Amino acid sequence: DDVFSNIIPIPFDFCFYGNTYNQLVIGANGVISFDISLANMTCNWQFSASIPSSPTIDGPYQNAIHGAYHDIDPSVTGDINYAVLGNAPCRTFVVNFSNTAHYNCNNLLTTQQIVIYETTNAIEVYIDDKPTCATWNSGNALIGIQNIGATQGVFPANRNTGPWNTSQEAWRF
């Protein structure tokens, strides 16, 4: 719970806000980051700022894909896994958060996926089900992307930081 993975190599170059990456880290709270200094560090669960926002202790991650970023707890139930699918130059790197419990609301489960595409550098976020645990961190959740320095960010309408729930939803960046 609340940790980033080891550094994970991706077998293709991925361009994100003008920088090229071939490795990333997965955060247990529904985020992936190209900031590999976060490897094996705490993945903050508490945040209240929206994107884009200046880097603060309570802000969403910089240089990251939030999809959906909220306090989930895979140590209770659920699974976080990743895979590379397809053949060059049309591969995808897919991160799954499957039936993962919400912290402090263990009966609520989230299933979501983040997909990044080789060559096109497209990003897709799929939400199968994301309920809201209103009694923890104000129910805050976020779908969006943010650059290094937090000067640029993109998010779907009604999916920036705040309490919301959804199912069967997809977004492309």
Protein backbone atom coordinates (compact mmCIF):
# COMPACT_ATOMS: atom_id res chain seq x y z
CA ASP A 1 0.00 0.00 0.00
CA ASP A 2 1.10 3.57 -0.75
CA VAL A 3 4.37 2.72 -2.54
CA PHE A 4 5.93 3.13 -5.95
CA SER A 5 7.36 0.13 -7.77
CA ASN A 6 10.94 -0.53 -8.72
CA ILE A 7 12.05 1.10 -11.97
CA ILE A 8 10.29 -0.69 -14.83
CA PRO A 9 11.86 -0.57 -18.30
CA ILE A 10 9.54 -0.12 -21.26
CA PRO A 11 10.82 -1.56 -24.56
CA PHE A 12 10.12 1.57 -26.58
CA ASP A 13 10.70 5.29 -26.34
CA PHE A 14 7.69 7.25 -25.09
CA CYS A 15 7.47 11.01 -25.57
CA PHE A 16 5.72 12.86 -22.72
CA TYR A 17 5.60 16.67 -22.71
CA GLY A 18 8.61 16.86 -25.04
CA ASN A 19 10.84 14.46 -23.12
CA THR A 20 11.58 10.87 -24.14
CA TYR A 21 11.42 8.02 -21.62
CA ASN A 22 12.03 4.28 -21.67
CA GLN A 23 11.37 3.55 -18.00
CA LEU A 24 8.76 4.44 -15.40
CA VAL A 25 7.40 3.63 -11.95
CA ILE A 26 3.90 2.53 -10.97
CA GLY A 27 2.29 4.04 -7.88
CA ALA A 28 -0.08 1.88 -5.84
CA ASN A 29 -2.64 4.70 -5.81
CA GLY A 30 -3.46 4.66 -9.53
CA VAL A 31 -0.62 6.69 -11.01
CA ILE A 32 2.40 6.08 -13.24
CA SER A 33 5.34 8.46 -13.30
CA PHE A 34 8.36 8.99 -15.50
CA ASP A 35 10.16 10.42 -12.45
CA ILE A 36 12.20 7.33 -11.61
CA SER A 37 13.57 8.95 -8.43
CA LEU A 38 10.21 7.89 -6.93
CA ALA A 39 11.14 4.18 -7.23
CA ASN A 40 10.38 2.32 -3.99
CA MET A 41 9.28 5.58 -2.34
CA THR A 42 5.95 6.41 -0.71
CA CYS A 43 3.07 7.01 -3.12
CA ASN A 44 1.18 9.78 -1.34
CA TRP A 45 -2.49 9.13 -0.76
CA GLN A 46 -3.41 12.59 0.49
CA PHE A 47 -3.82 15.40 -2.02
CA SER A 48 -6.16 18.33 -2.47
CA ALA A 49 -4.63 20.42 -5.26
CA SER A 50 -5.85 20.20 -8.85
CA ILE A 51 -3.74 19.99 -11.99
CA PRO A 52 -1.86 21.87 -13.14
CA SER A 53 -0.56 23.04 -9.78
CA SER A 54 2.72 24.10 -8.26
CA PRO A 55 4.61 21.24 -6.69
CA THR A 56 3.49 20.93 -3.07
CA ILE A 57 3.16 18.20 -0.51
CA ASP A 58 -0.59 17.96 -1.23
CA GLY A 59 -0.39 18.20 -5.01
CA PRO A 60 -0.76 15.54 -7.67
CA TYR A 61 2.43 14.05 -9.07
CA GLN A 62 4.51 15.85 -11.68
CA ASN A 63 5.69 14.08 -14.83
CA ALA A 64 2.86 11.61 -14.32
CA ILE A 65 -0.29 10.01 -15.64
CA HIS A 66 -3.09 9.94 -13.05
CA GLY A 67 -5.67 7.40 -14.00
CA ALA A 68 -7.51 7.57 -11.57
CA TYR A 69 -5.26 8.72 -8.75
CA HIS A 70 -6.94 8.07 -5.39
CA ASP A 71 -6.21 6.17 -2.18
CA ILE A 72 -6.57 2.51 -3.05
CA ASP A 73 -5.13 -0.33 -0.98
CA PRO A 74 -3.94 -3.42 -2.87
CA SER A 75 -2.68 -4.90 0.42
CA VAL A 76 -6.33 -5.59 1.34
CA THR A 77 -7.53 -6.98 -1.97
CA GLY A 78 -6.89 -6.55 -5.66
CA ASP A 79 -4.02 -6.75 -8.05
CA ILE A 80 -1.71 -4.33 -9.83
CA ASN A 81 0.04 -5.74 -12.88
CA TYR A 82 1.51 -4.62 -16.18
CA ALA A 83 2.29 -6.06 -19.59
CA VAL A 84 3.73 -5.10 -22.95
CA LEU A 85 1.39 -6.07 -25.77
CA GLY A 86 1.80 -6.08 -29.55
CA ASN A 87 4.77 -5.91 -31.90
CA ALA A 88 7.11 -3.02 -32.74
CA PRO A 89 6.41 -0.35 -33.77
CA CYS A 90 2.86 -0.71 -32.44
CA ARG A 91 3.34 -1.88 -28.85
CA THR A 92 1.46 -0.79 -25.76
CA PHE A 93 2.49 -0.72 -22.11
CA VAL A 94 -0.60 -1.57 -20.05
CA VAL A 95 -1.02 -1.13 -16.28
CA ASN A 96 -4.02 -2.78 -14.61
CA PHE A 97 -5.46 -2.00 -11.19
CA SER A 98 -7.96 -4.85 -10.74
CA ASN A 99 -10.62 -5.01 -8.01
CA THR A 100 -8.46 -2.94 -5.68
CA ALA A 101 -9.96 -1.94 -2.33
CA HIS A 102 -10.27 1.69 -1.30
CA TYR A 103 -8.43 2.59 1.87
CA ASN A 104 -10.80 2.98 4.80
CA CYS A 105 -13.69 1.72 2.61
CA ASN A 106 -12.49 -1.82 1.92
CA ASN A 107 -15.90 -2.84 0.55
CA LEU A 108 -15.46 -0.40 -2.37
CA LEU A 109 -13.38 -1.76 -5.25
CA THR A 110 -11.80 0.02 -8.22
CA THR A 111 -10.87 -1.54 -11.56
CA GLN A 112 -8.99 0.72 -13.97
CA GLN A 113 -6.27 0.66 -16.62
CA ILE A 114 -3.63 3.01 -18.05
CA VAL A 115 -2.29 2.34 -21.56
CA ILE A 116 0.59 4.13 -23.30
CA TYR A 117 1.24 3.63 -27.01
CA GLU A 118 4.51 3.27 -28.88
CA THR A 119 5.01 5.61 -31.87
CA THR A 120 1.83 7.68 -31.38
CA ASN A 121 2.60 8.48 -27.71
CA ALA A 122 -1.13 8.34 -27.02
CA ILE A 123 -2.31 7.74 -23.46
CA GLU A 124 -5.59 6.06 -22.61
CA VAL A 125 -7.28 5.70 -19.24
CA TYR A 126 -10.06 3.15 -18.83
CA ILE A 127 -12.26 3.08 -15.76
CA ASP A 128 -14.39 -0.02 -15.34
CA ASP A 129 -15.61 1.01 -11.89
CA LYS A 130 -14.44 3.75 -9.48
CA PRO A 131 -16.72 4.42 -6.52
CA THR A 132 -16.09 7.20 -3.97
CA CYS A 133 -14.94 6.75 -0.39
CA ALA A 134 -16.27 10.07 0.89
CA THR A 135 -15.05 9.44 4.44
CA TRP A 136 -11.35 9.43 3.46
CA ASN A 137 -9.29 12.29 1.93
CA SER A 138 -12.58 14.04 1.10
CA GLY A 139 -13.16 11.36 -1.55
CA ASN A 140 -10.58 13.05 -3.80
CA ALA A 141 -9.68 11.42 -7.11
CA LEU A 142 -8.10 12.67 -10.33
CA ILE A 143 -7.76 11.64 -13.98
CA GLY A 144 -5.20 13.62 -15.94
CA ILE A 145 -1.60 14.21 -16.94
CA GLN A 146 0.91 16.74 -15.65
CA ASN A 147 4.38 17.78 -16.84
CA ILE A 148 7.65 18.29 -14.96
CA GLY A 149 7.33 21.50 -12.95
CA ALA A 150 3.53 21.24 -12.88
CA THR A 151 3.13 24.13 -15.31
CA GLN A 152 1.01 22.15 -17.77
CA GLY A 153 -1.72 19.63 -17.16
CA VAL A 154 -4.72 18.18 -18.94
CA PHE A 155 -7.77 16.54 -17.41
CA PRO A 156 -11.26 15.58 -18.56
CA ALA A 157 -14.21 17.72 -17.50
CA ASN A 158 -15.35 16.91 -13.97
CA ARG A 159 -12.35 14.61 -13.38
CA ASN A 160 -9.88 17.01 -11.80
CA THR A 161 -9.31 16.69 -8.04
CA GLY A 162 -12.55 16.17 -6.17
CA PRO A 163 -15.04 13.52 -5.10
CA TRP A 164 -16.59 11.69 -8.04
CA ASN A 165 -17.46 8.17 -9.07
CA THR A 166 -17.84 6.60 -12.47
CA SER A 167 -18.02 3.36 -14.39
CA GLN A 168 -17.48 2.31 -18.00
CA GLU A 169 -15.53 5.45 -18.91
CA ALA A 170 -12.48 6.01 -21.13
CA TRP A 171 -10.24 9.01 -21.88
CA ARG A 172 -7.46 9.61 -24.40
CA PHE A 173 -4.63 12.14 -24.09
